[in-house]
Protein backbone atom coordinates (compact mmCIF):
# COMPACT_ATOMS: atom_id res chain seq x y z
CA MET A 1 11.77 9.67 49.11
CA PHE A 2 13.63 10.83 45.74
CA PHE A 3 16.95 10.98 47.13
CA LYS A 4 18.56 7.45 48.31
CA ASP A 5 20.73 7.06 51.63
CA PRO A 6 23.78 5.34 51.92
CA TYR A 7 25.21 6.31 48.33
CA LEU A 8 28.36 3.91 47.67
CA LEU A 9 30.88 6.32 46.15
CA ASP A 10 33.48 3.41 46.00
CA ILE A 11 32.92 3.94 41.95
CA LEU A 12 35.57 6.58 42.88
CA ASP A 13 38.61 4.34 43.99
CA LEU A 14 39.67 6.12 46.55
CA LYS A 15 42.04 4.77 49.58
CA ASP A 16 40.83 4.60 53.12
CA ASN A 17 42.69 8.10 53.71
CA TYR A 18 41.08 10.48 51.91
CA LEU A 19 40.00 14.43 52.97
CA GLU A 20 36.79 16.06 51.22
CA ALA A 21 39.15 17.85 48.65
CA ASP A 22 40.14 14.64 47.00
CA LEU A 23 36.52 13.33 47.05
CA GLU A 24 35.07 16.74 45.84
CA LYS A 25 38.13 16.22 43.03
CA ALA A 26 37.09 12.72 42.66
CA ILE A 27 33.38 12.80 41.49
CA LEU A 28 34.40 15.58 39.22
CA VAL A 29 36.99 13.64 37.56
CA ASP A 30 34.31 10.86 36.87
CA LEU A 31 30.99 12.78 36.79
CA GLN A 32 28.97 9.87 34.72
CA LYS A 33 29.04 7.06 37.53
CA PHE A 34 28.62 9.88 40.18
CA PHE A 35 25.37 10.75 38.45
CA LEU A 36 24.55 6.91 37.50
CA GLU A 37 24.99 6.49 41.52
CA PHE A 38 23.37 9.88 42.48
CA GLY A 39 20.05 9.18 40.36
CA ARG A 40 18.36 10.38 37.40
CA GLY A 41 18.13 14.11 35.82
CA PHE A 42 20.94 16.02 37.49
CA ALA A 43 23.03 18.50 35.71
CA PHE A 44 26.74 19.84 37.03
CA VAL A 45 26.20 23.31 37.82
CA ASP A 46 29.65 24.49 39.96
CA SER A 47 32.18 22.94 42.67
CA GLN A 48 33.55 25.50 45.54
CA LYS A 49 30.11 27.82 44.14
CA ARG A 50 30.11 30.94 46.49
CA MET A 51 26.90 32.64 47.52
CA ASN A 52 25.96 35.34 49.93
CA ILE A 53 23.07 34.16 51.92
CA GLY A 54 21.26 36.35 54.14
CA GLY A 55 24.99 38.59 54.53
CA GLU A 56 27.31 35.97 54.99
CA ASP A 57 29.38 34.27 52.39
CA VAL A 58 29.09 30.35 51.78
CA VAL A 59 30.86 27.79 50.16
CA LEU A 60 29.05 24.80 48.54
CA ASP A 61 30.96 22.01 47.45
CA LEU A 62 28.97 20.83 44.65
CA LEU A 63 25.65 22.52 43.05
CA PHE A 64 23.66 20.45 40.60
CA TYR A 65 20.09 21.24 38.98
CA ASN A 66 17.61 18.27 39.04
CA ARG A 67 15.80 18.68 35.57
CA ILE A 68 13.33 16.13 37.27
CA LEU A 69 12.53 18.54 40.43
CA LYS A 70 13.29 21.50 38.74
CA ARG A 71 15.34 22.65 41.69
CA LEU A 72 19.12 22.64 42.66
CA VAL A 73 20.44 20.74 44.83
CA ALA A 74 23.48 21.09 47.39
CA VAL A 75 25.76 18.75 48.09
CA GLU A 76 28.27 19.33 50.96
CA LEU A 77 30.83 16.47 51.45
CA LYS A 78 31.28 15.10 54.97
CA ILE A 79 33.70 12.51 55.98
CA GLY A 80 33.16 11.02 58.85
CA SER A 81 30.79 10.82 61.71
CA PHE A 82 27.36 12.97 61.34
CA LYS A 83 27.44 16.45 63.63
CA ALA A 84 24.47 18.05 64.65
CA ALA A 85 26.34 21.10 62.65
CA TYR A 86 25.69 19.91 59.43
CA LYS A 87 22.16 19.58 59.30
CA GLY A 88 22.12 23.21 60.57
CA GLN A 89 24.19 24.30 58.21
CA MET A 90 22.37 22.53 54.55
CA GLU A 91 19.15 24.18 56.19
CA LEU A 92 20.45 27.83 55.88
């Protein structure tokens, strides 16, 4: 697999209780360190990118382009335990 799991985001120096918005802000403030953790070939495209997919408005937390894969990479930030709805959201 191209992507690794899990991502260690302790480089962002967030405290114990933080919101998804705090996580997003920390990533944007320190993109270079985040990219080094995320992997090679990534370029930042947008934050809170609004898109219309099949007549439904959706907002992507973070949108990147990977020059190696030649693909857009959407990142949906979630805190806490995995929920099946998250998978469906990304498959949209």
